[in-house]
Amino acid sequence: MGILWGKDEEPKDEDRVEKLKRLGRTAVEDFEPKDGKTFCNLAAHFICEKFGFHGFKNMLANQMVYRMKNAPDFAEVSPAAAQKLANDGRIVLAGIENEPHGHVAVCQPGAMIYSGKWREDAPMIANVGKR
């Protein structure tokens, strides 16, 4: 399915949950694909920055995934754990490296949903990319 990382160690906070939902909707609207280009990296950076994390500035998706895999402030989590963390208002990113471009998305509060692509239940995400 790709790799999921959690960032932020705050306990559940309803204000953060609502902020995460609102920013996810904003990112999907504001970072729509244009002229054959997609902006998942910018959308993920936008959301993370609003929660105080600035470590993805000027990075492409593959660079973001590499950073998360190799930085001590991120930990790989299962899809179910990713959904629970997002439901608590914590920042969780899903990412996959690929050539020529990878993909990143921020998990959103909600219920897991069956993914035809992954053929299993997956966390709800603010997906900005090819449709």
N, C-alpha and C. Protein backbone atom coordinates (compact mmCIF):
# COMPACT_ATOMS: atom_id res chain seq x y z
N MET A 1 0.81 -1.20 0.00
CA MET A 1 0.00 0.00 0.00
C MET A 1 0.84 1.25 0.00
N GLY A 2 2.02 1.30 0.11
CA GLY A 2 2.75 2.54 0.36
C GLY A 2 3.13 2.55 1.82
N ILE A 3 3.75 3.58 2.25
CA ILE A 3 4.25 3.63 3.61
C ILE A 3 3.60 4.80 4.32
N LEU A 4 3.25 4.60 5.55
CA LEU A 4 2.57 5.62 6.33
C LEU A 4 3.45 6.05 7.48
N TRP A 5 3.48 7.35 7.72
CA TRP A 5 4.27 7.87 8.83
C TRP A 5 3.43 8.77 9.69
N GLY A 6 3.74 8.75 10.97
CA GLY A 6 3.06 9.64 11.90
C GLY A 6 4.00 10.73 12.38
N LYS A 7 3.49 11.92 12.54
CA LYS A 7 4.26 13.05 13.08
C LYS A 7 3.37 13.73 14.10
N ASP A 8 3.95 14.11 15.24
CA ASP A 8 3.21 14.86 16.26
C ASP A 8 2.81 13.89 17.36
N GLU A 9 3.03 14.27 18.57
CA GLU A 9 2.74 13.40 19.69
C GLU A 9 1.70 13.98 20.63
N GLU A 10 0.85 14.82 20.12
CA GLU A 10 -0.19 15.43 20.93
C GLU A 10 -1.32 14.43 21.18
N PRO A 11 -2.00 14.51 22.33
CA PRO A 11 -3.18 13.69 22.55
C PRO A 11 -4.33 14.19 21.68
N LYS A 12 -5.41 13.42 21.61
CA LYS A 12 -6.55 13.82 20.79
C LYS A 12 -7.03 15.20 21.18
N ASP A 13 -7.32 15.99 20.16
CA ASP A 13 -7.76 17.37 20.35
C ASP A 13 -8.78 17.65 19.26
N GLU A 14 -10.04 17.86 19.68
CA GLU A 14 -11.12 18.05 18.69
C GLU A 14 -10.87 19.26 17.79
N ASP A 15 -10.23 20.31 18.31
CA ASP A 15 -9.92 21.46 17.48
C ASP A 15 -8.94 21.08 16.37
N ARG A 16 -7.95 20.25 16.72
CA ARG A 16 -6.98 19.79 15.73
C ARG A 16 -7.65 18.89 14.69
N VAL A 17 -8.60 18.07 15.13
CA VAL A 17 -9.33 17.20 14.20
C VAL A 17 -10.06 18.05 13.17
N GLU A 18 -10.78 19.05 13.65
CA GLU A 18 -11.53 19.93 12.73
C GLU A 18 -10.58 20.73 11.83
N LYS A 19 -9.46 21.18 12.37
CA LYS A 19 -8.46 21.91 11.58
C LYS A 19 -7.91 21.01 10.47
N LEU A 20 -7.62 19.75 10.80
CA LEU A 20 -7.10 18.81 9.82
C LEU A 20 -8.11 18.56 8.71
N LYS A 21 -9.39 18.40 9.07
CA LYS A 21 -10.44 18.21 8.06
C LYS A 21 -10.53 19.43 7.15
N ARG A 22 -10.55 20.62 7.75
CA ARG A 22 -10.68 21.87 6.98
C ARG A 22 -9.49 22.06 6.04
N LEU A 23 -8.28 21.82 6.54
CA LEU A 23 -7.09 21.99 5.70
C LEU A 23 -7.04 20.95 4.58
N GLY A 24 -7.52 19.75 4.86
CA GLY A 24 -7.57 18.72 3.81
C GLY A 24 -8.48 19.15 2.67
N ARG A 25 -9.66 19.67 3.01
CA ARG A 25 -10.58 20.15 1.97
C ARG A 25 -9.96 21.32 1.19
N THR A 26 -9.34 22.24 1.91
CA THR A 26 -8.70 23.39 1.26
C THR A 26 -7.60 22.94 0.32
N ALA A 27 -6.76 22.02 0.76
CA ALA A 27 -5.64 21.54 -0.06
C ALA A 27 -6.14 20.89 -1.34
N VAL A 28 -7.18 20.05 -1.24
CA VAL A 28 -7.71 19.38 -2.42
C VAL A 28 -8.23 20.41 -3.43
N GLU A 29 -8.87 21.46 -2.94
CA GLU A 29 -9.38 22.51 -3.83
C GLU A 29 -8.27 23.39 -4.39
N ASP A 30 -7.33 23.80 -3.54
CA ASP A 30 -6.32 24.79 -3.94
C ASP A 30 -5.16 24.21 -4.75
N PHE A 31 -4.93 22.92 -4.65
CA PHE A 31 -3.79 22.31 -5.32
C PHE A 31 -4.21 21.32 -6.39
N GLU A 32 -5.32 21.61 -7.06
CA GLU A 32 -5.80 20.77 -8.16
C GLU A 32 -4.74 20.64 -9.25
N PRO A 33 -4.70 19.49 -9.94
CA PRO A 33 -3.78 19.36 -11.08
C PRO A 33 -4.05 20.44 -12.13
N LYS A 34 -2.97 20.95 -12.72
CA LYS A 34 -3.10 21.97 -13.76
C LYS A 34 -2.08 21.71 -14.86
N ASP A 35 -2.51 21.82 -16.09
CA ASP A 35 -1.61 21.69 -17.24
C ASP A 35 -0.79 20.39 -17.19
N GLY A 36 -1.43 19.30 -16.76
CA GLY A 36 -0.75 18.02 -16.71
C GLY A 36 0.20 17.84 -15.53
N LYS A 37 0.25 18.82 -14.63
CA LYS A 37 1.13 18.74 -13.47
C LYS A 37 0.29 18.53 -12.21
N THR A 38 0.85 17.76 -11.29
CA THR A 38 0.16 17.51 -10.03
C THR A 38 0.98 18.10 -8.88
N PHE A 39 0.31 18.34 -7.76
CA PHE A 39 0.93 19.09 -6.68
C PHE A 39 0.72 18.43 -5.31
N CYS A 40 0.80 17.11 -5.24
CA CYS A 40 0.60 16.43 -3.96
C CYS A 40 1.61 16.89 -2.93
N ASN A 41 2.84 17.13 -3.37
CA ASN A 41 3.88 17.57 -2.45
C ASN A 41 3.56 18.93 -1.85
N LEU A 42 3.06 19.84 -2.66
CA LEU A 42 2.72 21.18 -2.16
C LEU A 42 1.54 21.12 -1.20
N ALA A 43 0.56 20.28 -1.51
CA ALA A 43 -0.61 20.14 -0.63
C ALA A 43 -0.19 19.57 0.72
N ALA A 44 0.63 18.52 0.71
CA ALA A 44 1.08 17.91 1.96
C ALA A 44 1.92 18.91 2.77
N HIS A 45 2.80 19.62 2.10
CA HIS A 45 3.61 20.63 2.79
C HIS A 45 2.71 21.72 3.39
N PHE A 46 1.72 22.17 2.65
CA PHE A 46 0.78 23.19 3.10
C PHE A 46 0.13 22.77 4.42
N ILE A 47 -0.38 21.54 4.46
CA ILE A 47 -1.06 21.06 5.67
C ILE A 47 -0.07 20.92 6.82
N CYS A 48 1.07 20.31 6.56
CA CYS A 48 2.08 20.12 7.63
C CYS A 48 2.54 21.45 8.20
N GLU A 49 2.74 22.43 7.31
CA GLU A 49 3.19 23.75 7.75
C GLU A 49 2.17 24.40 8.69
N LYS A 50 0.89 24.20 8.42
CA LYS A 50 -0.16 24.78 9.27
C LYS A 50 -0.17 24.16 10.66
N PHE A 51 0.45 22.97 10.79
CA PHE A 51 0.58 22.32 12.09
C PHE A 51 1.98 22.51 12.68
N GLY A 52 2.78 23.38 12.05
CA GLY A 52 4.08 23.73 12.62
C GLY A 52 5.27 22.93 12.12
N PHE A 53 5.06 22.05 11.15
CA PHE A 53 6.19 21.28 10.62
C PHE A 53 6.61 21.86 9.28
N HIS A 54 7.85 22.31 9.18
CA HIS A 54 8.34 22.99 7.98
C HIS A 54 9.41 22.20 7.24
N GLY A 55 9.53 20.92 7.53
CA GLY A 55 10.62 20.11 6.99
C GLY A 55 10.47 19.63 5.56
N PHE A 56 9.39 19.99 4.87
CA PHE A 56 9.20 19.54 3.49
C PHE A 56 9.30 20.66 2.46
N LYS A 57 9.73 21.82 2.87
CA LYS A 57 9.80 22.98 1.96
C LYS A 57 10.65 22.65 0.74
N ASN A 58 10.12 22.94 -0.44
CA ASN A 58 10.79 22.76 -1.73
C ASN A 58 11.12 21.31 -2.07
N MET A 59 10.46 20.36 -1.44
CA MET A 59 10.72 18.95 -1.74
C MET A 59 9.65 18.38 -2.66
N LEU A 60 10.08 17.47 -3.54
CA LEU A 60 9.16 16.68 -4.35
C LEU A 60 8.73 15.47 -3.53
N ALA A 61 7.73 14.76 -4.02
CA ALA A 61 7.18 13.62 -3.26
C ALA A 61 8.25 12.59 -2.92
N ASN A 62 9.07 12.19 -3.88
CA ASN A 62 10.11 11.19 -3.59
C ASN A 62 11.07 11.68 -2.51
N GLN A 63 11.40 12.96 -2.51
CA GLN A 63 12.28 13.52 -1.49
C GLN A 63 11.61 13.51 -0.12
N MET A 64 10.32 13.77 -0.11
CA MET A 64 9.57 13.75 1.15
C MET A 64 9.55 12.33 1.72
N VAL A 65 9.29 11.35 0.88
CA VAL A 65 9.26 9.96 1.33
C VAL A 65 10.63 9.56 1.85
N TYR A 66 11.68 9.92 1.12
CA TYR A 66 13.05 9.60 1.56
C TYR A 66 13.33 10.21 2.93
N ARG A 67 12.95 11.47 3.10
CA ARG A 67 13.18 12.14 4.38
C ARG A 67 12.45 11.41 5.51
N MET A 68 11.18 11.04 5.26
CA MET A 68 10.42 10.36 6.30
C MET A 68 11.02 8.99 6.64
N LYS A 69 11.51 8.29 5.64
CA LYS A 69 12.12 6.98 5.89
C LYS A 69 13.39 7.09 6.70
N ASN A 70 14.09 8.20 6.59
CA ASN A 70 15.43 8.32 7.17
C ASN A 70 15.54 9.31 8.32
N ALA A 71 14.46 9.89 8.75
CA ALA A 71 14.51 10.87 9.84
C ALA A 71 13.97 10.25 11.13
N PRO A 72 14.61 10.53 12.24
CA PRO A 72 14.17 9.94 13.50
C PRO A 72 12.84 10.48 14.02
N ASP A 73 12.37 11.60 13.46
CA ASP A 73 11.11 12.17 13.95
C ASP A 73 9.88 11.61 13.24
N PHE A 74 10.05 10.55 12.44
CA PHE A 74 8.94 9.86 11.79
C PHE A 74 9.03 8.38 12.10
N ALA A 75 7.89 7.74 12.19
CA ALA A 75 7.84 6.30 12.43
C ALA A 75 6.80 5.69 11.50
N GLU A 76 7.12 4.55 10.92
CA GLU A 76 6.17 3.85 10.07
C GLU A 76 5.04 3.30 10.93
N VAL A 77 3.82 3.43 10.44
CA VAL A 77 2.65 2.91 11.15
C VAL A 77 1.78 2.13 10.18
N SER A 78 0.92 1.28 10.71
CA SER A 78 0.00 0.50 9.88
C SER A 78 -1.12 1.39 9.36
N PRO A 79 -1.83 0.95 8.31
CA PRO A 79 -2.97 1.74 7.83
C PRO A 79 -4.02 2.01 8.92
N ALA A 80 -4.33 0.99 9.74
CA ALA A 80 -5.32 1.19 10.81
C ALA A 80 -4.81 2.20 11.84
N ALA A 81 -3.53 2.10 12.19
CA ALA A 81 -2.96 3.06 13.14
C ALA A 81 -2.95 4.46 12.54
N ALA A 82 -2.66 4.57 11.25
CA ALA A 82 -2.67 5.87 10.58
C ALA A 82 -4.04 6.52 10.69
N GLN A 83 -5.10 5.73 10.46
CA GLN A 83 -6.45 6.28 10.54
C GLN A 83 -6.77 6.72 11.96
N LYS A 84 -6.39 5.91 12.94
CA LYS A 84 -6.65 6.28 14.34
C LYS A 84 -5.91 7.57 14.70
N LEU A 85 -4.66 7.68 14.29
CA LEU A 85 -3.89 8.90 14.58
C LEU A 85 -4.53 10.12 13.93
N ALA A 86 -4.94 9.99 12.67
CA ALA A 86 -5.62 11.10 11.99
C ALA A 86 -6.92 11.46 12.71
N ASN A 87 -7.65 10.44 13.18
CA ASN A 87 -8.90 10.69 13.90
C ASN A 87 -8.65 11.41 15.22
N ASP A 88 -7.43 11.33 15.73
CA ASP A 88 -7.05 12.06 16.94
C ASP A 88 -6.51 13.45 16.62
N GLY A 89 -6.47 13.82 15.33
CA GLY A 89 -5.99 15.14 14.93
C GLY A 89 -4.49 15.21 14.75
N ARG A 90 -3.85 14.07 14.61
CA ARG A 90 -2.40 14.04 14.42
C ARG A 90 -2.05 13.97 12.95
N ILE A 91 -0.91 14.54 12.59
CA ILE A 91 -0.47 14.55 11.20
C ILE A 91 0.11 13.19 10.84
N VAL A 92 -0.45 12.58 9.81
CA VAL A 92 0.02 11.29 9.29
C VAL A 92 0.08 11.42 7.78
N LEU A 93 1.21 11.05 7.21
CA LEU A 93 1.36 11.11 5.76
C LEU A 93 1.49 9.71 5.19
N ALA A 94 0.85 9.50 4.06
CA ALA A 94 1.04 8.28 3.28
C ALA A 94 1.96 8.66 2.14
N GLY A 95 2.89 7.80 1.82
CA GLY A 95 3.82 8.13 0.74
C GLY A 95 4.33 6.89 0.04
N ILE A 96 4.63 7.05 -1.23
CA ILE A 96 5.19 5.97 -2.02
C ILE A 96 6.18 6.58 -3.01
N GLU A 97 7.36 5.97 -3.09
CA GLU A 97 8.36 6.40 -4.07
C GLU A 97 8.06 5.72 -5.39
N ASN A 98 8.26 6.44 -6.47
CA ASN A 98 8.03 5.90 -7.80
C ASN A 98 8.82 6.75 -8.78
N GLU A 99 9.02 6.25 -9.96
CA GLU A 99 9.70 7.01 -11.01
C GLU A 99 8.72 7.31 -12.12
N PRO A 100 8.67 8.51 -12.64
CA PRO A 100 9.57 9.60 -12.31
C PRO A 100 9.17 10.36 -11.05
N HIS A 101 7.93 10.15 -10.56
CA HIS A 101 7.48 10.89 -9.38
C HIS A 101 6.76 9.96 -8.42
N GLY A 102 6.96 10.19 -7.15
CA GLY A 102 6.24 9.47 -6.12
C GLY A 102 4.92 10.18 -5.82
N HIS A 103 4.35 9.82 -4.70
CA HIS A 103 3.09 10.44 -4.30
C HIS A 103 3.03 10.51 -2.78
N VAL A 104 2.51 11.60 -2.27
CA VAL A 104 2.27 11.78 -0.84
C VAL A 104 0.86 12.31 -0.64
N ALA A 105 0.29 11.98 0.50
CA ALA A 105 -1.03 12.47 0.86
C ALA A 105 -1.13 12.51 2.37
N VAL A 106 -1.93 13.42 2.88
CA VAL A 106 -2.14 13.54 4.32
C VAL A 106 -3.41 12.78 4.68
N CYS A 107 -3.29 11.91 5.68
CA CYS A 107 -4.46 11.16 6.14
C CYS A 107 -5.43 12.13 6.81
N GLN A 108 -6.72 11.84 6.62
CA GLN A 108 -7.78 12.70 7.13
C GLN A 108 -8.62 11.96 8.16
N PRO A 109 -9.18 12.70 9.12
CA PRO A 109 -10.10 12.06 10.05
C PRO A 109 -11.29 11.47 9.30
N GLY A 110 -11.76 10.34 9.76
CA GLY A 110 -12.89 9.67 9.13
C GLY A 110 -12.77 8.18 9.31
N ALA A 111 -13.45 7.45 8.45
CA ALA A 111 -13.42 5.98 8.49
C ALA A 111 -12.54 5.47 7.36
N MET A 112 -11.92 4.33 7.60
CA MET A 112 -11.15 3.71 6.52
C MET A 112 -12.11 3.35 5.40
N ILE A 113 -11.59 3.29 4.20
CA ILE A 113 -12.41 3.02 3.02
C ILE A 113 -11.69 1.98 2.16
N TYR A 114 -12.46 1.12 1.50
CA TYR A 114 -11.85 0.10 0.66
C TYR A 114 -11.21 0.77 -0.55
N SER A 115 -9.96 0.41 -0.82
CA SER A 115 -9.23 0.93 -1.98
C SER A 115 -9.15 -0.16 -3.04
N GLY A 116 -9.73 0.12 -4.21
CA GLY A 116 -9.62 -0.81 -5.32
C GLY A 116 -8.18 -0.96 -5.80
N LYS A 117 -7.41 0.11 -5.68
CA LYS A 117 -6.02 0.06 -6.10
C LYS A 117 -5.20 -0.85 -5.20
N TRP A 118 -5.38 -0.69 -3.89
CA TRP A 118 -4.59 -1.47 -2.92
C TRP A 118 -5.27 -2.78 -2.54
N ARG A 119 -6.57 -2.91 -2.87
CA ARG A 119 -7.36 -4.11 -2.57
C ARG A 119 -7.42 -4.42 -1.08
N GLU A 120 -7.54 -3.37 -0.31
CA GLU A 120 -7.69 -3.49 1.14
C GLU A 120 -8.22 -2.16 1.67
N ASP A 121 -8.64 -2.17 2.92
CA ASP A 121 -9.08 -0.92 3.53
C ASP A 121 -7.88 0.00 3.70
N ALA A 122 -8.10 1.28 3.44
CA ALA A 122 -7.03 2.27 3.51
C ALA A 122 -7.56 3.49 4.26
N PRO A 123 -6.64 4.26 4.84
CA PRO A 123 -7.06 5.48 5.53
C PRO A 123 -7.67 6.49 4.55
N MET A 124 -8.54 7.32 5.09
CA MET A 124 -9.08 8.43 4.33
C MET A 124 -7.94 9.42 4.11
N ILE A 125 -7.80 9.96 2.89
CA ILE A 125 -6.71 10.91 2.62
C ILE A 125 -7.23 12.14 1.91
N ALA A 126 -6.48 13.23 2.03
CA ALA A 126 -6.70 14.42 1.22
C ALA A 126 -5.83 14.20 -0.03
N ASN A 127 -6.44 13.64 -1.06
CA ASN A 127 -5.67 13.24 -2.24
C ASN A 127 -5.63 14.34 -3.27
N VAL A 128 -4.44 14.78 -3.59
CA VAL A 128 -4.21 15.76 -4.64
C VAL A 128 -3.29 15.08 -5.65
N GLY A 129 -3.78 14.87 -6.83
CA GLY A 129 -2.96 14.20 -7.85
C GLY A 129 -3.82 13.83 -9.03
N LYS A 130 -3.32 12.88 -9.82
CA LYS A 130 -4.05 12.44 -10.99
C LYS A 130 -5.37 11.82 -10.58
N ARG A 131 -6.37 12.08 -11.35
CA ARG A 131 -7.70 11.53 -11.07
C ARG A 131 -7.99 10.38 -12.00
